[in-house]
Structures are given as C-alpha cells and as structure tokens.
Amino acid sequence: MFGKPEWFKQSTCCNGVSPVSFKGWMYVAGWAAFIVMPLAGLGLMGKVVPEALVWLAFSGLAFLWDMRDIRRQMQAQHDRTLLYIDDEREASPELATRRFDMKLRD
C-alpha cells in the first residue's frame, strides 16, 4: 500500500522482509501503533470479545497483505536483473565466461 521496497531487505527467515532504513523502521512502528492502540482502547472499554479480536484479525491481515506486496515487488525487481543461460541469440547485454555465455533476461 504505502511501503516502499527500498526500505526493506529480503529476510533469511520465513520468506519475509525486514527493515533496513529509518523509514522502514518507522513504517513498521506505524503499523504497530495502528494495530495496538485501538486494540488497547477496546480492551480498556471491556470490549475484548468480539470487537478487539475482530480488529486484531483484520488489521493483522492488512499488515501481512502489505508486507506480501512489498516482498512481491522486491522479488519482481530481483527477477528482472537475474542472469540466466539461454540458447537463443538475441540482441541483449551478454556476459561471456570460459564455459558459459550469459545474458540479461528481458
């Protein structure tokens, strides 16, 4: 939604993303405040079931959806710059080594 892939890196755990810049950390902190503050308010008013649980479920799913979108954008950017071996001869940037000829995928 509002997050940018430049603020994150691909995590080695759980196929997710983790913040690497100040803006990334602020983005995650903003989401945490967005989820926890109304949840705490509903808990203090005694509306834990079902209001607070419904809020937690929907806001948590929105956060996960946004992180998935950021991960998908990062993966698409990675795939565009991935080198691969191909038999076709087309006009594209190539890299020649002793044993392999590589070119950028379009």
PDB file of N, CA and C in Angstrom:
ATOM      1  N   MET A   1       0.825  -1.180   0.000  1.00  0.00           N
ATOM      2  CA  MET A   1       0.000   0.000   0.000  1.00  0.00           C
ATOM      3  C   MET A   1       0.878   1.256   0.000  1.00  0.00           C
ATOM      4  N   PHE A   2       1.524   1.498   1.148  1.00  0.00           N
ATOM      5  CA  PHE A   2       2.303   2.725   1.282  1.00  0.00           C
ATOM      6  C   PHE A   2       3.788   2.465   1.466  1.00  0.00           C
ATOM      7  N   GLY A   3       4.180   1.263   1.769  1.00  0.00           N
ATOM      8  CA  GLY A   3       5.579   0.929   1.988  1.00  0.00           C
ATOM      9  C   GLY A   3       6.336   0.846   0.677  1.00  0.00           C
ATOM     10  N   LYS A   4       7.638   1.102   0.734  1.00  0.00           N
ATOM     11  CA  LYS A   4       8.487   1.044  -0.454  1.00  0.00           C
ATOM     12  C   LYS A   4       9.511  -0.068  -0.280  1.00  0.00           C
ATOM     13  N   PRO A   5       9.771  -0.818  -1.338  1.00  0.00           N
ATOM     14  CA  PRO A   5      10.724  -1.924  -1.240  1.00  0.00           C
ATOM     15  C   PRO A   5      12.141  -1.472  -0.881  1.00  0.00           C
ATOM     16  N   GLU A   6      12.485  -0.223  -1.150  1.00  0.00           N
ATOM     17  CA  GLU A   6      13.826   0.271  -0.837  1.00  0.00           C
ATOM     18  C   GLU A   6      14.071   0.319   0.667  1.00  0.00           C
ATOM     19  N   TRP A   7      13.031   0.339   1.452  1.00  0.00           N
ATOM     20  CA  TRP A   7      13.145   0.435   2.906  1.00  0.00           C
ATOM     21  C   TRP A   7      13.414  -0.913   3.552  1.00  0.00           C
ATOM     22  N   PHE A   8      13.324  -1.998   2.783  1.00  0.00           N
ATOM     23  CA  PHE A   8      13.387  -3.345   3.333  1.00  0.00           C
ATOM     24  C   PHE A   8      14.396  -4.197   2.581  1.00  0.00           C
ATOM     25  N   LYS A   9      14.753  -5.329   3.181  1.00  0.00           N
ATOM     26  CA  LYS A   9      15.562  -6.344   2.513  1.00  0.00           C
ATOM     27  C   LYS A   9      14.877  -7.685   2.712  1.00  0.00           C
ATOM     28  N   GLN A  10      15.212  -8.630   1.852  1.00  0.00           N
ATOM     29  CA  GLN A  10      14.628  -9.948   1.987  1.00  0.00           C
ATOM     30  C   GLN A  10      15.218 -10.637   3.203  1.00  0.00           C
ATOM     31  N   SER A  11      14.362 -11.145   4.031  1.00  0.00           N
ATOM     32  CA  SER A  11      14.779 -11.794   5.264  1.00  0.00           C
ATOM     33  C   SER A  11      15.181 -13.232   4.982  1.00  0.00           C
ATOM     34  N   THR A  12      16.116 -13.736   5.754  1.00  0.00           N
ATOM     35  CA  THR A  12      16.524 -15.130   5.591  1.00  0.00           C
ATOM     36  C   THR A  12      15.558 -16.071   6.299  1.00  0.00           C
ATOM     37  N   CYS A  13      14.750 -15.535   7.171  1.00  0.00           N
ATOM     38  CA  CYS A  13      13.799 -16.339   7.932  1.00  0.00           C
ATOM     39  C   CYS A  13      12.380 -16.145   7.395  1.00  0.00           C
ATOM     40  N   CYS A  14      11.666 -17.202   7.227  1.00  0.00           N
ATOM     41  CA  CYS A  14      10.230 -17.168   6.950  1.00  0.00           C
ATOM     42  C   CYS A  14       9.860 -16.513   5.618  1.00  0.00           C
ATOM     43  N   ASN A  15      10.790 -16.346   4.710  1.00  0.00           N
ATOM     44  CA  ASN A  15      10.493 -15.793   3.383  1.00  0.00           C
ATOM     45  C   ASN A  15       9.789 -14.442   3.475  1.00  0.00           C
ATOM     46  N   GLY A  16      10.241 -13.597   4.370  1.00  0.00           N
ATOM     47  CA  GLY A  16       9.627 -12.290   4.579  1.00  0.00           C
ATOM     48  C   GLY A  16      10.591 -11.158   4.282  1.00  0.00           C
ATOM     49  N   VAL A  17      10.292 -10.001   4.849  1.00  0.00           N
ATOM     50  CA  VAL A  17      11.141  -8.830   4.681  1.00  0.00           C
ATOM     51  C   VAL A  17      11.457  -8.252   6.055  1.00  0.00           C
ATOM     52  N   SER A  18      12.575  -7.529   6.128  1.00  0.00           N
ATOM     53  CA  SER A  18      12.933  -6.854   7.371  1.00  0.00           C
ATOM     54  C   SER A  18      13.421  -5.450   7.030  1.00  0.00           C
ATOM     55  N   PRO A  19      13.142  -4.474   7.889  1.00  0.00           N
ATOM     56  CA  PRO A  19      13.525  -3.095   7.596  1.00  0.00           C
ATOM     57  C   PRO A  19      15.039  -2.902   7.651  1.00  0.00           C
ATOM     58  N   VAL A  20      15.552  -2.044   6.751  1.00  0.00           N
ATOM     59  CA  VAL A  20      16.975  -1.735   6.736  1.00  0.00           C
ATOM     60  C   VAL A  20      17.233  -0.238   6.836  1.00  0.00           C
ATOM     61  N   SER A  21      16.212   0.571   6.727  1.00  0.00           N
ATOM     62  CA  SER A  21      16.392   2.019   6.798  1.00  0.00           C
ATOM     63  C   SER A  21      15.495   2.589   7.899  1.00  0.00           C
ATOM     64  N   PHE A  22      15.748   3.837   8.233  1.00  0.00           N
ATOM     65  CA  PHE A  22      14.938   4.514   9.251  1.00  0.00           C
ATOM     66  C   PHE A  22      13.475   4.573   8.826  1.00  0.00           C
ATOM     67  N   LYS A  23      13.243   4.837   7.542  1.00  0.00           N
ATOM     68  CA  LYS A  23      11.859   4.898   7.047  1.00  0.00           C
ATOM     69  C   LYS A  23      11.174   3.541   7.161  1.00  0.00           C
ATOM     70  N   GLY A  24      11.926   2.477   6.943  1.00  0.00           N
ATOM     71  CA  GLY A  24      11.360   1.139   7.099  1.00  0.00           C
ATOM     72  C   GLY A  24      10.970   0.847   8.529  1.00  0.00           C
ATOM     73  N   TRP A  25      11.844   1.216   9.472  1.00  0.00           N
ATOM     74  CA  TRP A  25      11.529   1.026  10.880  1.00  0.00           C
ATOM     75  C   TRP A  25      10.342   1.884  11.298  1.00  0.00           C
ATOM     76  N   MET A  26      10.265   3.104  10.803  1.00  0.00           N
ATOM     77  CA  MET A  26       9.126   3.973  11.120  1.00  0.00           C
ATOM     78  C   MET A  26       7.833   3.417  10.532  1.00  0.00           C
ATOM     79  N   TYR A  27       7.924   2.833   9.359  1.00  0.00           N
ATOM     80  CA  TYR A  27       6.753   2.237   8.729  1.00  0.00           C
ATOM     81  C   TYR A  27       6.219   1.072   9.573  1.00  0.00           C
ATOM     82  N   VAL A  28       7.130   0.205  10.027  1.00  0.00           N
ATOM     83  CA  VAL A  28       6.717  -0.924  10.864  1.00  0.00           C
ATOM     84  C   VAL A  28       6.173  -0.416  12.207  1.00  0.00           C
ATOM     85  N   ALA A  29       6.816   0.598  12.777  1.00  0.00           N
ATOM     86  CA  ALA A  29       6.329   1.167  14.039  1.00  0.00           C
ATOM     87  C   ALA A  29       4.948   1.792  13.863  1.00  0.00           C
ATOM     88  N   GLY A  30       4.726   2.431  12.719  1.00  0.00           N
ATOM     89  CA  GLY A  30       3.404   2.998  12.435  1.00  0.00           C
ATOM     90  C   GLY A  30       2.334   1.924  12.350  1.00  0.00           C
ATOM     91  N   TRP A  31       2.653   0.820  11.694  1.00  0.00           N
ATOM     92  CA  TRP A  31       1.710  -0.289  11.629  1.00  0.00           C
ATOM     93  C   TRP A  31       1.439  -0.848  13.020  1.00  0.00           C
ATOM     94  N   ALA A  32       2.501  -0.974  13.827  1.00  0.00           N
ATOM     95  CA  ALA A  32       2.316  -1.499  15.185  1.00  0.00           C
ATOM     96  C   ALA A  32       1.390  -0.591  15.995  1.00  0.00           C
ATOM     97  N   ALA A  33       1.590   0.720  15.882  1.00  0.00           N
ATOM     98  CA  ALA A  33       0.719   1.661  16.599  1.00  0.00           C
ATOM     99  C   ALA A  33      -0.710   1.584  16.072  1.00  0.00           C
ATOM    100  N   PHE A  34      -0.848   1.443  14.757  1.00  0.00           N
ATOM    101  CA  PHE A  34      -2.164   1.339  14.133  1.00  0.00           C
ATOM    102  C   PHE A  34      -2.922   0.107  14.628  1.00  0.00           C
ATOM    103  N   ILE A  35      -2.201  -0.955  14.909  1.00  0.00           N
ATOM    104  CA  ILE A  35      -2.834  -2.188  15.378  1.00  0.00           C
ATOM    105  C   ILE A  35      -3.069  -2.155  16.889  1.00  0.00           C
ATOM    106  N   VAL A  36      -2.061  -1.735  17.659  1.00  0.00           N
ATOM    107  CA  VAL A  36      -2.108  -1.873  19.115  1.00  0.00           C
ATOM    108  C   VAL A  36      -2.963  -0.814  19.799  1.00  0.00           C
ATOM    109  N   MET A  37      -2.912   0.428  19.341  1.00  0.00           N
ATOM    110  CA  MET A  37      -3.649   1.491  20.042  1.00  0.00           C
ATOM    111  C   MET A  37      -5.160   1.240  20.092  1.00  0.00           C
ATOM    112  N   PRO A  38      -5.823   0.982  18.954  1.00  0.00           N
ATOM    113  CA  PRO A  38      -7.260   0.675  19.048  1.00  0.00           C
ATOM    114  C   PRO A  38      -7.542  -0.620  19.817  1.00  0.00           C
ATOM    115  N   LEU A  39      -6.618  -1.590  19.686  1.00  0.00           N
ATOM    116  CA  LEU A  39      -6.793  -2.846  20.414  1.00  0.00           C
ATOM    117  C   LEU A  39      -6.758  -2.596  21.925  1.00  0.00           C
ATOM    118  N   ALA A  40      -5.834  -1.765  22.380  1.00  0.00           N
ATOM    119  CA  ALA A  40      -5.751  -1.436  23.805  1.00  0.00           C
ATOM    120  C   ALA A  40      -6.977  -0.640  24.253  1.00  0.00           C
ATOM    121  N   GLY A  41      -7.427   0.277  23.411  1.00  0.00           N
ATOM    122  CA  GLY A  41      -8.621   1.047  23.749  1.00  0.00           C
ATOM    123  C   GLY A  41      -9.853   0.164  23.885  1.00  0.00           C
ATOM    124  N   LEU A  42     -10.011  -0.759  22.970  1.00  0.00           N
ATOM    125  CA  LEU A  42     -11.140  -1.683  23.056  1.00  0.00           C
ATOM    126  C   LEU A  42     -11.016  -2.583  24.285  1.00  0.00           C
ATOM    127  N   GLY A  43      -9.790  -2.983  24.613  1.00  0.00           N
ATOM    128  CA  GLY A  43      -9.583  -3.810  25.802  1.00  0.00           C
ATOM    129  C   GLY A  43      -9.911  -3.068  27.078  1.00  0.00           C
ATOM    130  N   LEU A  44      -9.547  -1.782  27.149  1.00  0.00           N
ATOM    131  CA  LEU A  44      -9.838  -0.985  28.341  1.00  0.00           C
ATOM    132  C   LEU A  44     -11.331  -0.726  28.507  1.00  0.00           C
ATOM    133  N   MET A  45     -12.056  -0.668  27.399  1.00  0.00           N
ATOM    134  CA  MET A  45     -13.507  -0.469  27.476  1.00  0.00           C
ATOM    135  C   MET A  45     -14.244  -1.772  27.754  1.00  0.00           C
ATOM    136  N   GLY A  46     -13.504  -2.874  27.813  1.00  0.00           N
ATOM    137  CA  GLY A  46     -14.126  -4.156  28.107  1.00  0.00           C
ATOM    138  C   GLY A  46     -14.748  -4.824  26.905  1.00  0.00           C
ATOM    139  N   LYS A  47     -14.364  -4.414  25.727  1.00  0.00           N
ATOM    140  CA  LYS A  47     -14.935  -4.990  24.509  1.00  0.00           C
ATOM    141  C   LYS A  47     -13.908  -5.901  23.832  1.00  0.00           C
ATOM    142  N   VAL A  48     -13.421  -6.848  24.594  1.00  0.00           N
ATOM    143  CA  VAL A  48     -12.395  -7.745  24.065  1.00  0.00           C
ATOM    144  C   VAL A  48     -12.994  -8.726  23.072  1.00  0.00           C
ATOM    145  N   VAL A  49     -14.129  -9.290  23.427  1.00  0.00           N
ATOM    146  CA  VAL A  49     -14.791 -10.251  22.550  1.00  0.00           C
ATOM    147  C   VAL A  49     -16.075  -9.634  22.073  1.00  0.00           C
ATOM    148  N   PRO A  50     -16.384  -9.527  20.855  1.00  0.00           N
ATOM    149  CA  PRO A  50     -15.601  -9.879  19.684  1.00  0.00           C
ATOM    150  C   PRO A  50     -14.882  -8.685  19.051  1.00  0.00           C
ATOM    151  N   GLU A  51     -15.148  -7.440  19.539  1.00  0.00           N
ATOM    152  CA  GLU A  51     -14.653  -6.260  18.848  1.00  0.00           C
ATOM    153  C   GLU A  51     -13.128  -6.221  18.736  1.00  0.00           C
ATOM    154  N   ALA A  52     -12.424  -6.409  19.850  1.00  0.00           N
ATOM    155  CA  ALA A  52     -10.964  -6.335  19.836  1.00  0.00           C
ATOM    156  C   ALA A  52     -10.359  -7.467  19.016  1.00  0.00           C
ATOM    157  N   LEU A  53     -10.939  -8.634  19.094  1.00  0.00           N
ATOM    158  CA  LEU A  53     -10.428  -9.758  18.311  1.00  0.00           C
ATOM    159  C   LEU A  53     -10.649  -9.552  16.820  1.00  0.00           C
ATOM    160  N   VAL A  54     -11.784  -8.992  16.472  1.00  0.00           N
ATOM    161  CA  VAL A  54     -12.047  -8.697  15.053  1.00  0.00           C
ATOM    162  C   VAL A  54     -11.072  -7.637  14.549  1.00  0.00           C
ATOM    163  N   TRP A  55     -10.843  -6.597  15.365  1.00  0.00           N
ATOM    164  CA  TRP A  55      -9.873  -5.556  14.975  1.00  0.00           C
ATOM    165  C   TRP A  55      -8.480  -6.155  14.794  1.00  0.00           C
ATOM    166  N   LEU A  56      -8.068  -6.997  15.715  1.00  0.00           N
ATOM    167  CA  LEU A  56      -6.753  -7.619  15.637  1.00  0.00           C
ATOM    168  C   LEU A  56      -6.629  -8.478  14.376  1.00  0.00           C
ATOM    169  N   ALA A  57      -7.659  -9.228  14.059  1.00  0.00           N
ATOM    170  CA  ALA A  57      -7.619 -10.097  12.882  1.00  0.00           C
ATOM    171  C   ALA A  57      -7.531  -9.279  11.596  1.00  0.00           C
ATOM    172  N   PHE A  58      -8.401  -8.296  11.441  1.00  0.00           N
ATOM    173  CA  PHE A  58      -8.415  -7.540  10.193  1.00  0.00           C
ATOM    174  C   PHE A  58      -7.192  -6.645  10.038  1.00  0.00           C
ATOM    175  N   SER A  59      -6.764  -5.990  11.092  1.00  0.00           N
ATOM    176  CA  SER A  59      -5.590  -5.128  10.971  1.00  0.00           C
ATOM    177  C   SER A  59      -4.321  -5.956  10.778  1.00  0.00           C
ATOM    178  N   GLY A  60      -4.246  -7.109  11.434  1.00  0.00           N
ATOM    179  CA  GLY A  60      -3.100  -8.002  11.225  1.00  0.00           C
ATOM    180  C   GLY A  60      -3.041  -8.530   9.809  1.00  0.00           C
ATOM    181  N   LEU A  61      -4.198  -8.879   9.256  1.00  0.00           N
ATOM    182  CA  LEU A  61      -4.229  -9.331   7.864  1.00  0.00           C
ATOM    183  C   LEU A  61      -3.856  -8.214   6.894  1.00  0.00           C
ATOM    184  N   ALA A  62      -4.270  -6.989   7.188  1.00  0.00           N
ATOM    185  CA  ALA A  62      -3.892  -5.856   6.340  1.00  0.00           C
ATOM    186  C   ALA A  62      -2.380  -5.644   6.367  1.00  0.00           C
ATOM    187  N   PHE A  63      -1.762  -5.767   7.528  1.00  0.00           N
ATOM    188  CA  PHE A  63      -0.313  -5.642   7.647  1.00  0.00           C
ATOM    189  C   PHE A  63       0.394  -6.739   6.859  1.00  0.00           C
ATOM    190  N   LEU A  64      -0.056  -7.972   7.016  1.00  0.00           N
ATOM    191  CA  LEU A  64       0.561  -9.081   6.281  1.00  0.00           C
ATOM    192  C   LEU A  64       0.375  -8.935   4.778  1.00  0.00           C
ATOM    193  N   TRP A  65      -0.779  -8.440   4.356  1.00  0.00           N
ATOM    194  CA  TRP A  65      -1.039  -8.197   2.930  1.00  0.00           C
ATOM    195  C   TRP A  65      -0.055  -7.164   2.386  1.00  0.00           C
ATOM    196  N   ASP A  66       0.178  -6.106   3.142  1.00  0.00           N
ATOM    197  CA  ASP A  66       1.098  -5.051   2.716  1.00  0.00           C
ATOM    198  C   ASP A  66       2.532  -5.574   2.654  1.00  0.00           C
ATOM    199  N   MET A  67       2.945  -6.357   3.629  1.00  0.00           N
ATOM    200  CA  MET A  67       4.296  -6.925   3.609  1.00  0.00           C
ATOM    201  C   MET A  67       4.451  -7.891   2.441  1.00  0.00           C
ATOM    202  N   ARG A  68       3.400  -8.634   2.127  1.00  0.00           N
ATOM    203  CA  ARG A  68       3.448  -9.551   0.983  1.00  0.00           C
ATOM    204  C   ARG A  68       3.601  -8.780  -0.313  1.00  0.00           C
ATOM    205  N   ASP A  69       2.918  -7.643  -0.427  1.00  0.00           N
ATOM    206  CA  ASP A  69       3.032  -6.812  -1.619  1.00  0.00           C
ATOM    207  C   ASP A  69       4.447  -6.249  -1.762  1.00  0.00           C
ATOM    208  N   ILE A  70       5.036  -5.817  -0.659  1.00  0.00           N
ATOM    209  CA  ILE A  70       6.418  -5.321  -0.690  1.00  0.00           C
ATOM    210  C   ILE A  70       7.358  -6.449  -1.097  1.00  0.00           C
ATOM    211  N   ARG A  71       7.171  -7.632  -0.551  1.00  0.00           N
ATOM    212  CA  ARG A  71       8.002  -8.791  -0.907  1.00  0.00           C
ATOM    213  C   ARG A  71       7.848  -9.123  -2.390  1.00  0.00           C
ATOM    214  N   ARG A  72       6.635  -9.043  -2.903  1.00  0.00           N
ATOM    215  CA  ARG A  72       6.396  -9.336  -4.316  1.00  0.00           C
ATOM    216  C   ARG A  72       7.097  -8.310  -5.207  1.00  0.00           C
ATOM    217  N   GLN A  73       7.073  -7.041  -4.833  1.00  0.00           N
ATOM    218  CA  GLN A  73       7.777  -6.016  -5.606  1.00  0.00           C
ATOM    219  C   GLN A  73       9.281  -6.248  -5.584  1.00  0.00           C
ATOM    220  N   MET A  74       9.815  -6.634  -4.434  1.00  0.00           N
ATOM    221  CA  MET A  74      11.244  -6.918  -4.332  1.00  0.00           C
ATOM    222  C   MET A  74      11.624  -8.121  -5.184  1.00  0.00           C
ATOM    223  N   GLN A  75      10.797  -9.145  -5.184  1.00  0.00           N
ATOM    224  CA  GLN A  75      11.073 -10.342  -5.980  1.00  0.00           C
ATOM    225  C   GLN A  75      11.001 -10.040  -7.470  1.00  0.00           C
ATOM    226  N   ALA A  76      10.045  -9.217  -7.886  1.00  0.00           N
ATOM    227  CA  ALA A  76       9.945  -8.844  -9.296  1.00  0.00           C
ATOM    228  C   ALA A  76      11.172  -8.049  -9.738  1.00  0.00           C
ATOM    229  N   GLN A  77      11.644  -7.155  -8.884  1.00  0.00           N
ATOM    230  CA  GLN A  77      12.852  -6.387  -9.201  1.00  0.00           C
ATOM    231  C   GLN A  77      14.061  -7.317  -9.291  1.00  0.00           C
ATOM    232  N   HIS A  78      14.144  -8.278  -8.407  1.00  0.00           N
ATOM    233  CA  HIS A  78      15.249  -9.241  -8.440  1.00  0.00           C
ATOM    234  C   HIS A  78      15.188 -10.088  -9.706  1.00  0.00           C
ATOM    235  N   ASP A  79      14.002 -10.533 -10.098  1.00  0.00           N
ATOM    236  CA  ASP A  79      13.855 -11.363 -11.294  1.00  0.00           C
ATOM    237  C   ASP A  79      14.216 -10.615 -12.567  1.00  0.00           C
ATOM    238  N   ARG A  80      13.971  -9.297 -12.599  1.00  0.00           N
ATOM    239  CA  ARG A  80      14.311  -8.514 -13.788  1.00  0.00           C
ATOM    240  C   ARG A  80      15.820  -8.410 -13.990  1.00  0.00           C
ATOM    241  N   THR A  81      16.592  -8.487 -12.929  1.00  0.00           N
ATOM    242  CA  THR A  81      18.040  -8.337 -13.038  1.00  0.00           C
ATOM    243  C   THR A  81      18.776  -9.671 -12.946  1.00  0.00           C
ATOM    244  N   LEU A  82      18.061 -10.775 -12.995  1.00  0.00           N
ATOM    245  CA  LEU A  82      18.647 -12.089 -12.846  1.00  0.00           C
ATOM    246  C   LEU A  82      19.308 -12.534 -14.143  1.00  0.00           C
ATOM    247  N   LEU A  83      20.537 -13.021 -14.063  1.00  0.00           N
ATOM    248  CA  LEU A  83      21.218 -13.580 -15.223  1.00  0.00           C
ATOM    249  C   LEU A  83      20.811 -15.039 -15.386  1.00  0.00           C
ATOM    250  N   TYR A  84      20.673 -15.483 -16.630  1.00  0.00           N
ATOM    251  CA  TYR A  84      20.332 -16.869 -16.879  1.00  0.00           C
ATOM    252  C   TYR A  84      21.011 -17.322 -18.157  1.00  0.00           C
ATOM    253  N   ILE A  85      21.105 -18.613 -18.342  1.00  0.00           N
ATOM    254  CA  ILE A  85      21.746 -19.190 -19.516  1.00  0.00           C
ATOM    255  C   ILE A  85      20.661 -19.558 -20.510  1.00  0.00           C
ATOM    256  N   ASP A  86      20.883 -19.188 -21.793  1.00  0.00           N
ATOM    257  CA  ASP A  86      19.879 -19.403 -22.829  1.00  0.00           C
ATOM    258  C   ASP A  86      20.576 -19.778 -24.119  1.00  0.00           C
ATOM    259  N   ASP A  87      19.905 -20.557 -24.973  1.00  0.00           N
ATOM    260  CA  ASP A  87      20.468 -20.951 -26.255  1.00  0.00           C
ATOM    261  C   ASP A  87      20.194 -19.946 -27.360  1.00  0.00           C
ATOM    262  N   GLU A  88      19.177 -19.114 -27.210  1.00  0.00           N
ATOM    263  CA  GLU A  88      18.794 -18.173 -28.256  1.00  0.00           C
ATOM    264  C   GLU A  88      19.818 -17.062 -28.395  1.00  0.00           C
ATOM    265  N   ARG A  89      19.977 -16.589 -29.612  1.00  0.00           N
ATOM    266  CA  ARG A  89      20.876 -15.470 -29.880  1.00  0.00           C
ATOM    267  C   ARG A  89      20.043 -14.234 -30.191  1.00  0.00           C
ATOM    268  N   GLU A  90      19.909 -13.356 -29.215  1.00  0.00           N
ATOM    269  CA  GLU A  90      19.165 -12.114 -29.391  1.00  0.00           C
ATOM    270  C   GLU A  90      20.065 -10.957 -29.010  1.00  0.00           C
ATOM    271  N   ALA A  91      19.667  -9.765 -29.416  1.00  0.00           N
ATOM    272  CA  ALA A  91      20.440  -8.579 -29.063  1.00  0.00           C
ATOM    273  C   ALA A  91      20.090  -8.156 -27.648  1.00  0.00           C
ATOM    274  N   SER A  92      20.889  -8.598 -26.689  1.00  0.00           N
ATOM    275  CA  SER A  92      20.709  -8.202 -25.296  1.00  0.00           C
ATOM    276  C   SER A  92      22.083  -8.180 -24.638  1.00  0.00           C
ATOM    277  N   PRO A  93      22.206  -7.506 -23.504  1.00  0.00           N
ATOM    278  CA  PRO A  93      23.510  -7.458 -22.833  1.00  0.00           C
ATOM    279  C   PRO A  93      23.996  -8.870 -22.484  1.00  0.00           C
ATOM    280  N   GLU A  94      25.235  -9.173 -22.832  1.00  0.00           N
ATOM    281  CA  GLU A  94      25.761 -10.512 -22.609  1.00  0.00           C
ATOM    282  C   GLU A  94      26.987 -10.476 -21.716  1.00  0.00           C
ATOM    283  N   LEU A  95      27.228 -11.602 -21.085  1.00  0.00           N
ATOM    284  CA  LEU A  95      28.408 -11.795 -20.268  1.00  0.00           C
ATOM    285  C   LEU A  95      29.030 -13.105 -20.708  1.00  0.00           C
ATOM    286  N   ALA A  96      30.273 -13.060 -21.178  1.00  0.00           N
ATOM    287  CA  ALA A  96      30.941 -14.267 -21.650  1.00  0.00           C
ATOM    288  C   ALA A  96      31.980 -14.700 -20.623  1.00  0.00           C
ATOM    289  N   THR A  97      31.949 -15.982 -20.313  1.00  0.00           N
ATOM    290  CA  THR A  97      32.958 -16.581 -19.457  1.00  0.00           C
ATOM    291  C   THR A  97      33.631 -17.692 -20.241  1.00  0.00           C
ATOM    292  N   ARG A  98      34.549 -18.413 -19.636  1.00  0.00           N
ATOM    293  CA  ARG A  98      35.214 -19.502 -20.349  1.00  0.00           C
ATOM    294  C   ARG A  98      34.252 -20.591 -20.779  1.00  0.00           C
ATOM    295  N   ARG A  99      33.322 -20.899 -19.896  1.00  0.00           N
ATOM    296  CA  ARG A  99      32.459 -22.048 -20.163  1.00  0.00           C
ATOM    297  C   ARG A  99      31.017 -21.683 -20.502  1.00  0.00           C
ATOM    298  N   PHE A 100      30.587 -20.452 -20.159  1.00  0.00           N
ATOM    299  CA  PHE A 100      29.174 -20.109 -20.341  1.00  0.00           C
ATOM    300  C   PHE A 100      29.046 -18.741 -20.993  1.00  0.00           C
ATOM    301  N   ASP A 101      27.989 -18.572 -21.772  1.00  0.00           N
ATOM    302  CA  ASP A 101      27.585 -17.281 -22.290  1.00  0.00           C
ATOM    303  C   ASP A 101      26.280 -16.920 -21.595  1.00  0.00           C
ATOM    304  N   MET A 102      26.263 -15.765 -20.911  1.00  0.00           N
ATOM    305  CA  MET A 102      25.065 -15.346 -20.180  1.00  0.00           C
ATOM    306  C   MET A 102      24.590 -14.004 -20.721  1.00  0.00           C
ATOM    307  N   LYS A 103      23.288 -13.796 -20.613  1.00  0.00           N
ATOM    308  CA  LYS A 103      22.727 -12.510 -21.000  1.00  0.00           C
ATOM    309  C   LYS A 103      21.576 -12.153 -20.084  1.00  0.00           C
ATOM    310  N   LEU A 104      21.245 -10.879 -20.032  1.00  0.00           N
ATOM    311  CA  LEU A 104      20.168 -10.413 -19.163  1.00  0.00           C
ATOM    312  C   LEU A 104      18.826 -10.800 -19.749  1.00  0.00           C
ATOM    313  N   ARG A 105      17.936 -11.243 -18.882  1.00  0.00           N
ATOM    314  CA  ARG A 105      16.581 -11.589 -19.281  1.00  0.00           C
ATOM    315  C   ARG A 105      15.780 -10.304 -19.437  1.00  0.00           C
ATOM    316  N   ASP A 106      14.961 -10.234 -20.457  1.00  0.00           N
ATOM    317  CA  ASP A 106      14.132  -9.035 -20.703  1.00  0.00           C
ATOM    318  C   ASP A 106      12.894  -9.046 -19.884  1.00  0.00           C
TER     319      ASP A 106
END
